[in-house]
Amino acid sequence: MPVKEKIIEKIFLLIALSSITILALITFFIFEEGLPLILKIGPKAFLLGEQWIPSKGAFGIFPMIASSFWVTSGALLLGIPLGLACTIFLTELIPPSIGILLRPAIQLLAAIPSVIYGFWGLIVLVPLIQNYLGGPGLSILAGSLVLSFMILPTIITISEDSLKALPPSYKAGALALGATHWQTIWRVLIPAARSGIVASIILGMGRAIGETMAMIMILGNAVKMPTSFLDSARTLTTNIGIEMGYASGDHRQALFATGIVLFFIIMALNTLAIFLSRRRVH
C-alpha cells in the first residue's frame, strides 16, 4: 500500500476513534451527574412519579414522558402519510425535471432553524387552534403539527433512497403481469422497501423526541398528565432546556437523569433503525 494511502487510512481511523471517545466521554458525564439522583430517590419514583416540584424534592418525570410520546405520536400520525405520499410522488409520479426542483426544497426543510419553526407555530398555528378549537392554543396539537413538518425531510429522503434501491425488475415484472401503475406501487414497491421506510419513520421519531427549542415556544410547558391534544404540556427535552439555566443540587442532577432517559430512548430508536436498514440491504 502506498505511503499516501496509509496516511489517509490512519487519519480516518483517528477521526473514528475520536468520535467514539467523545461519545464515551459524553455518556460518562451524563451518567456521572444523573445516576446518583436516580439511585437516591429510586428508579420507580423517578420514572413513574407524577409530581415535578424541585423546591420540595419531588422529581417525577412520568408526565413529561407521557407528553413526549403524545407529541411524537401526533407528529407521526401527520408526518408518516404526508412523507410517504411525497416519496411516492417524487419517485414514481412526476417528471425528473420537476423532481430536481422539488427535492432541494424538501431538503431545505431540514436546514431551517428550530426557532423559525417555533415562531411560525406561535404566530400561525397557536391562534388558529385557540380561535377554532378552543383551549390555550399552546398545546400538544400545535407541537405535533410543527414536528410533522420537521420530520418530513428524514422520512422522505430515506424512504426515497429505499425505493430507488429496488431492482428495476420488480416494477417491470409487476407491470408485465398486468398490474396497474398504482397497484405496482402499493402492492410491490412499498412492501419491498418496507424495512427502509420503517427505518426512516424510526429516525423521524428520534428527531421528534429530541426537539427542544420549537417545543418550548408552542407547547405551553405545563407539567401535568396530558388528556387531549388541546392540553398544554412539557416534554423531557423542554424541561431540560427551561430549567437547566438555574438548577443546582438535586434539581440539576434530576435534569441530567432526564438526559439519561432520553439517551436510552434515542439509542434504542437508532439501533432499531440501523438494524432495519441492514436488513433492507441484505
Protein backbone atom coordinates (compact mmCIF):
# COMPACT_ATOMS: atom_id res chain seq x y z
CA MET A 1 0.00 0.00 0.00
CA PRO A 2 1.43 3.44 -0.94
CA VAL A 3 2.54 5.71 1.88
CA LYS A 4 -0.07 8.34 0.97
CA GLU A 5 -2.93 5.84 1.30
CA LYS A 6 -1.58 4.61 4.63
CA ILE A 7 -1.52 8.18 5.97
CA ILE A 8 -5.11 8.79 4.81
CA GLU A 9 -6.18 5.49 6.38
CA LYS A 10 -4.58 6.45 9.70
CA ILE A 11 -6.26 9.87 9.61
CA PHE A 12 -9.69 8.32 9.09
CA LEU A 13 -9.01 5.80 11.86
CA LEU A 14 -8.02 8.64 14.19
CA ILE A 15 -11.21 10.55 13.34
CA ALA A 16 -13.33 7.45 14.01
CA LEU A 17 -11.60 6.78 17.33
CA SER A 18 -12.02 10.45 18.30
CA SER A 19 -15.76 10.25 17.63
CA ILE A 20 -16.08 7.11 19.76
CA THR A 21 -14.03 8.71 22.53
CA ILE A 22 -16.16 11.87 22.55
CA LEU A 23 -19.37 9.80 22.66
CA ALA A 24 -17.97 7.75 25.55
CA LEU A 25 -16.99 10.89 27.47
CA ILE A 26 -20.43 12.45 26.95
CA THR A 27 -22.10 9.24 28.12
CA PHE A 28 -19.84 9.03 31.18
CA PHE A 29 -20.51 12.68 32.08
CA ILE A 30 -24.30 12.32 31.81
CA PHE A 31 -24.34 9.16 33.91
CA GLU A 32 -21.94 10.58 36.48
CA GLU A 33 -24.18 13.60 37.01
CA GLY A 34 -27.60 11.96 36.77
CA LEU A 35 -27.29 8.43 38.12
CA PRO A 36 -26.81 9.43 41.80
CA LEU A 37 -30.23 11.13 41.82
CA ILE A 38 -31.93 8.08 40.32
CA LEU A 39 -30.31 5.84 42.94
CA LYS A 40 -31.19 8.30 45.70
CA ILE A 41 -34.95 8.52 45.07
CA GLY A 42 -35.34 5.18 43.27
CA PRO A 43 -35.95 4.44 39.57
CA LYS A 44 -39.67 3.83 40.17
CA ALA A 45 -40.24 7.16 41.90
CA PHE A 46 -38.25 8.96 39.20
CA LEU A 47 -39.77 7.31 36.14
CA LEU A 48 -43.34 6.83 37.36
CA GLY A 49 -43.73 9.78 39.73
CA GLU A 50 -46.27 12.40 38.64
CA GLN A 51 -45.02 15.33 40.73
CA TRP A 52 -42.23 17.59 39.47
CA ILE A 53 -41.67 20.13 42.26
CA PRO A 54 -37.89 20.63 42.65
CA SER A 55 -38.31 23.01 45.60
CA LYS A 56 -39.97 20.17 47.55
CA GLY A 57 -37.65 17.42 46.34
CA ALA A 58 -40.28 15.85 44.03
CA PHE A 59 -38.69 14.68 40.77
CA GLY A 60 -41.25 12.52 38.96
CA ILE A 61 -40.92 12.72 35.18
CA PHE A 62 -43.82 10.48 34.09
CA PRO A 63 -46.00 13.43 32.90
CA MET A 64 -43.11 14.59 30.70
CA ILE A 65 -42.54 11.09 29.34
CA ALA A 66 -46.24 10.87 28.51
CA SER A 67 -46.20 14.34 26.94
CA SER A 68 -43.19 13.43 24.81
CA PHE A 69 -44.97 10.40 23.41
CA TRP A 70 -48.22 12.34 22.88
CA VAL A 71 -46.41 14.99 20.84
CA THR A 72 -44.33 12.43 18.95
CA SER A 73 -47.35 10.24 18.20
CA GLY A 74 -49.28 13.22 16.87
CA ALA A 75 -46.34 14.22 14.68
CA LEU A 76 -46.06 10.70 13.28
CA LEU A 77 -49.81 10.47 12.59
CA LEU A 78 -49.46 13.52 10.37
CA GLY A 79 -45.90 13.10 9.12
CA ILE A 80 -45.97 9.45 8.01
CA PRO A 81 -48.85 9.71 5.47
CA LEU A 82 -47.57 13.04 4.17
CA GLY A 83 -43.97 11.83 3.96
CA LEU A 84 -44.92 8.57 2.25
CA ALA A 85 -47.16 10.41 -0.21
CA CYS A 86 -44.35 12.84 -1.06
CA THR A 87 -41.93 9.94 -1.50
CA ILE A 88 -44.22 8.14 -3.95
CA PHE A 89 -44.87 11.40 -5.78
CA LEU A 90 -41.14 12.13 -6.15
CA THR A 91 -40.09 8.64 -7.21
CA GLU A 92 -42.98 7.47 -9.38
CA LEU A 93 -45.38 10.20 -10.42
CA ILE A 94 -43.55 13.33 -11.52
CA PRO A 95 -41.14 14.04 -14.39
CA PRO A 96 -37.45 14.10 -13.37
CA SER A 97 -37.18 17.75 -14.38
CA ILE A 98 -39.73 18.75 -11.72
CA GLY A 99 -38.22 16.39 -9.14
CA ILE A 100 -34.89 18.18 -9.48
CA LEU A 101 -36.62 21.35 -8.27
CA LEU A 102 -38.72 19.76 -5.51
CA ARG A 103 -36.01 17.68 -3.81
CA PRO A 104 -33.84 20.65 -2.79
CA ALA A 105 -36.95 22.41 -1.48
CA ILE A 106 -37.81 19.41 0.73
CA GLN A 107 -34.21 19.07 1.90
CA LEU A 108 -34.24 22.78 2.75
CA LEU A 109 -36.80 22.00 5.46
CA ALA A 110 -34.00 20.26 7.39
CA ALA A 111 -31.85 23.40 7.20
CA ILE A 112 -34.43 25.75 8.71
CA PRO A 113 -33.55 26.51 12.37
CA SER A 114 -35.88 25.13 15.01
CA VAL A 115 -36.60 28.59 16.34
CA ILE A 116 -38.09 29.58 12.96
CA TYR A 117 -40.48 26.64 13.14
CA GLY A 118 -41.31 27.77 16.67
CA PHE A 119 -42.05 31.33 15.53
CA TRP A 120 -44.23 30.04 12.71
CA GLY A 121 -46.18 27.79 15.08
CA LEU A 122 -46.56 30.59 17.63
CA ILE A 123 -47.77 33.18 15.12
CA VAL A 124 -49.86 30.99 12.78
CA LEU A 125 -50.91 27.70 14.40
CA VAL A 126 -51.47 28.74 18.01
CA PRO A 127 -54.03 31.50 17.18
CA LEU A 128 -55.83 29.17 14.73
CA ILE A 129 -56.15 26.41 17.34
CA GLN A 130 -57.23 28.89 20.00
CA ASN A 131 -59.89 30.50 17.79
CA TYR A 132 -61.35 27.40 16.16
CA LEU A 133 -60.77 24.53 18.60
CA GLY A 134 -60.60 26.34 21.93
CA GLY A 135 -58.13 25.94 24.73
CA PRO A 136 -54.96 27.95 25.26
CA GLY A 137 -53.64 27.34 21.75
CA LEU A 138 -50.23 26.49 23.19
CA SER A 139 -50.85 22.78 23.03
CA ILE A 140 -49.78 19.28 22.05
CA LEU A 141 -51.64 19.72 18.76
CA ALA A 142 -49.56 22.77 17.85
CA GLY A 143 -46.36 20.92 18.73
CA SER A 144 -47.41 17.86 16.72
CA LEU A 145 -48.21 19.95 13.65
CA VAL A 146 -44.84 21.70 13.75
CA LEU A 147 -42.93 18.47 14.36
CA SER A 148 -44.73 16.73 11.49
CA PHE A 149 -43.11 19.22 9.10
CA MET A 150 -39.73 18.99 10.83
CA ILE A 151 -39.50 15.22 10.39
CA LEU A 152 -40.56 15.23 6.73
CA PRO A 153 -37.01 15.53 5.27
CA THR A 154 -35.86 12.49 7.25
CA ILE A 155 -38.81 10.32 6.22
CA ILE A 156 -38.84 11.41 2.58
CA THR A 157 -35.09 11.20 1.95
CA ILE A 158 -34.55 7.73 3.44
CA SER A 159 -37.79 6.31 2.02
CA GLU A 160 -36.92 7.64 -1.43
CA ASP A 161 -33.47 6.03 -1.27
CA SER A 162 -35.10 2.74 -0.27
CA LEU A 163 -37.48 2.80 -3.23
CA LYS A 164 -34.71 3.76 -5.66
CA ALA A 165 -32.53 0.89 -4.40
CA LEU A 166 -35.08 -1.71 -5.51
CA PRO A 167 -34.19 -3.74 -8.63
CA PRO A 168 -35.99 -2.42 -11.76
CA SER A 169 -37.22 -5.98 -12.38
CA TYR A 170 -39.72 -5.62 -9.51
CA LYS A 171 -41.61 -2.88 -11.28
CA ALA A 172 -41.18 -4.36 -14.77
CA GLY A 173 -42.37 -7.77 -13.64
CA ALA A 174 -45.50 -6.39 -11.95
CA LEU A 175 -46.42 -4.30 -14.98
CA ALA A 176 -45.79 -7.26 -17.30
CA LEU A 177 -48.23 -9.35 -15.25
CA GLY A 178 -50.96 -6.78 -15.85
CA ALA A 179 -50.81 -4.70 -12.66
CA THR A 180 -51.61 -1.01 -12.96
CA HIS A 181 -49.03 1.61 -12.03
CA TRP A 182 -50.73 2.27 -8.70
CA GLN A 183 -51.10 -1.44 -7.93
CA THR A 184 -47.39 -1.86 -8.62
CA ILE A 185 -46.51 0.96 -6.25
CA TRP A 186 -48.83 -0.11 -3.45
CA ARG A 187 -48.53 -3.91 -3.63
CA VAL A 188 -44.97 -4.42 -4.89
CA LEU A 189 -42.64 -1.45 -4.41
CA ILE A 190 -43.73 -0.24 -0.97
CA PRO A 191 -43.75 -3.73 0.61
CA ALA A 192 -40.33 -4.43 -0.90
CA ALA A 193 -38.92 -1.20 0.58
CA ARG A 194 -40.78 -1.64 3.88
CA SER A 195 -37.73 -2.03 6.11
CA GLY A 196 -36.14 1.18 4.79
CA ILE A 197 -39.40 3.07 5.15
CA VAL A 198 -39.82 1.85 8.72
CA ALA A 199 -36.22 2.87 9.47
CA SER A 200 -36.97 6.39 8.18
CA ILE A 201 -40.01 6.60 10.44
CA ILE A 202 -37.99 5.49 13.48
CA LEU A 203 -35.29 8.09 12.76
CA GLY A 204 -38.02 10.70 12.33
CA MET A 205 -39.40 9.63 15.71
CA GLY A 206 -35.97 10.17 17.25
CA ARG A 207 -35.84 13.62 15.65
CA ALA A 208 -39.25 14.47 17.08
CA ILE A 209 -38.47 13.25 20.62
CA GLY A 210 -35.22 15.23 20.69
CA GLU A 211 -36.64 18.56 19.51
CA THR A 212 -36.38 21.32 22.13
CA MET A 213 -36.46 24.95 21.01
CA ALA A 214 -39.60 24.90 18.90
CA MET A 215 -41.45 22.91 21.57
CA ILE A 216 -40.51 25.38 24.30
CA MET A 217 -42.23 28.10 22.27
CA ILE A 218 -45.52 26.37 21.42
CA LEU A 219 -46.32 23.61 23.95
CA GLY A 220 -47.26 25.82 26.90
CA ASN A 221 -44.83 23.95 29.21
CA ALA A 222 -47.37 22.84 31.82
CA VAL A 223 -46.12 19.92 33.93
CA LYS A 224 -49.23 17.73 34.04
CA MET A 225 -50.56 14.49 32.62
CA PRO A 226 -52.00 15.19 29.15
CA THR A 227 -55.56 14.10 28.46
CA SER A 228 -56.12 15.55 24.97
CA PHE A 229 -54.23 17.11 22.09
CA LEU A 230 -55.52 20.54 23.16
CA ASP A 231 -53.74 20.38 26.53
CA SER A 232 -50.57 22.29 27.27
CA ALA A 233 -47.63 20.03 28.03
CA ARG A 234 -43.93 19.82 28.78
CA THR A 235 -41.68 17.22 27.17
CA LEU A 236 -38.45 15.76 28.53
CA THR A 237 -36.27 17.96 26.32
CA THR A 238 -38.15 21.19 27.02
CA ASN A 239 -37.91 20.55 30.75
CA ILE A 240 -34.13 20.35 30.48
CA GLY A 241 -33.96 23.42 28.25
CA ILE A 242 -36.15 25.55 30.53
CA GLU A 243 -34.68 24.66 33.93
CA MET A 244 -31.01 23.86 33.36
CA GLY A 245 -30.00 27.54 33.47
CA TYR A 246 -30.90 27.99 37.13
CA ALA A 247 -30.89 24.43 38.54
CA SER A 248 -28.49 23.32 41.27
CA GLY A 249 -28.01 20.39 43.61
CA ASP A 250 -30.56 17.59 43.31
CA HIS A 251 -32.53 19.66 40.83
CA ARG A 252 -29.56 19.79 38.45
CA GLN A 253 -28.91 16.07 38.91
CA ALA A 254 -32.57 15.34 38.12
CA LEU A 255 -32.21 17.16 34.79
CA PHE A 256 -29.15 15.08 33.94
CA ALA A 257 -31.10 11.98 34.97
CA THR A 258 -33.77 13.07 32.50
CA GLY A 259 -30.98 13.17 29.93
CA ILE A 260 -30.17 9.54 30.74
CA VAL A 261 -33.77 8.56 29.96
CA LEU A 262 -33.58 10.44 26.66
CA PHE A 263 -30.24 8.83 25.93
CA PHE A 264 -31.72 5.32 26.21
CA ILE A 265 -34.79 6.24 24.16
CA ILE A 266 -32.77 7.73 21.29
CA MET A 267 -30.18 4.93 21.37
CA ALA A 268 -32.93 2.31 21.20
CA LEU A 269 -34.58 4.04 18.24
CA ASN A 270 -31.29 4.49 16.37
CA THR A 271 -30.27 0.88 17.00
CA LEU A 272 -33.60 -0.34 15.66
CA ALA A 273 -33.28 1.90 12.59
CA ILE A 274 -29.75 0.61 11.88
CA PHE A 275 -30.95 -2.99 12.24
CA LEU A 276 -33.80 -2.42 9.80
CA SER A 277 -31.53 -0.63 7.31
CA ARG A 278 -29.07 -3.54 7.31
CA ARG A 279 -31.92 -5.96 6.93
CA ARG A 280 -33.02 -3.99 3.86
CA VAL A 281 -29.54 -4.19 2.35
CA HIS A 282 -29.15 -7.93 2.89
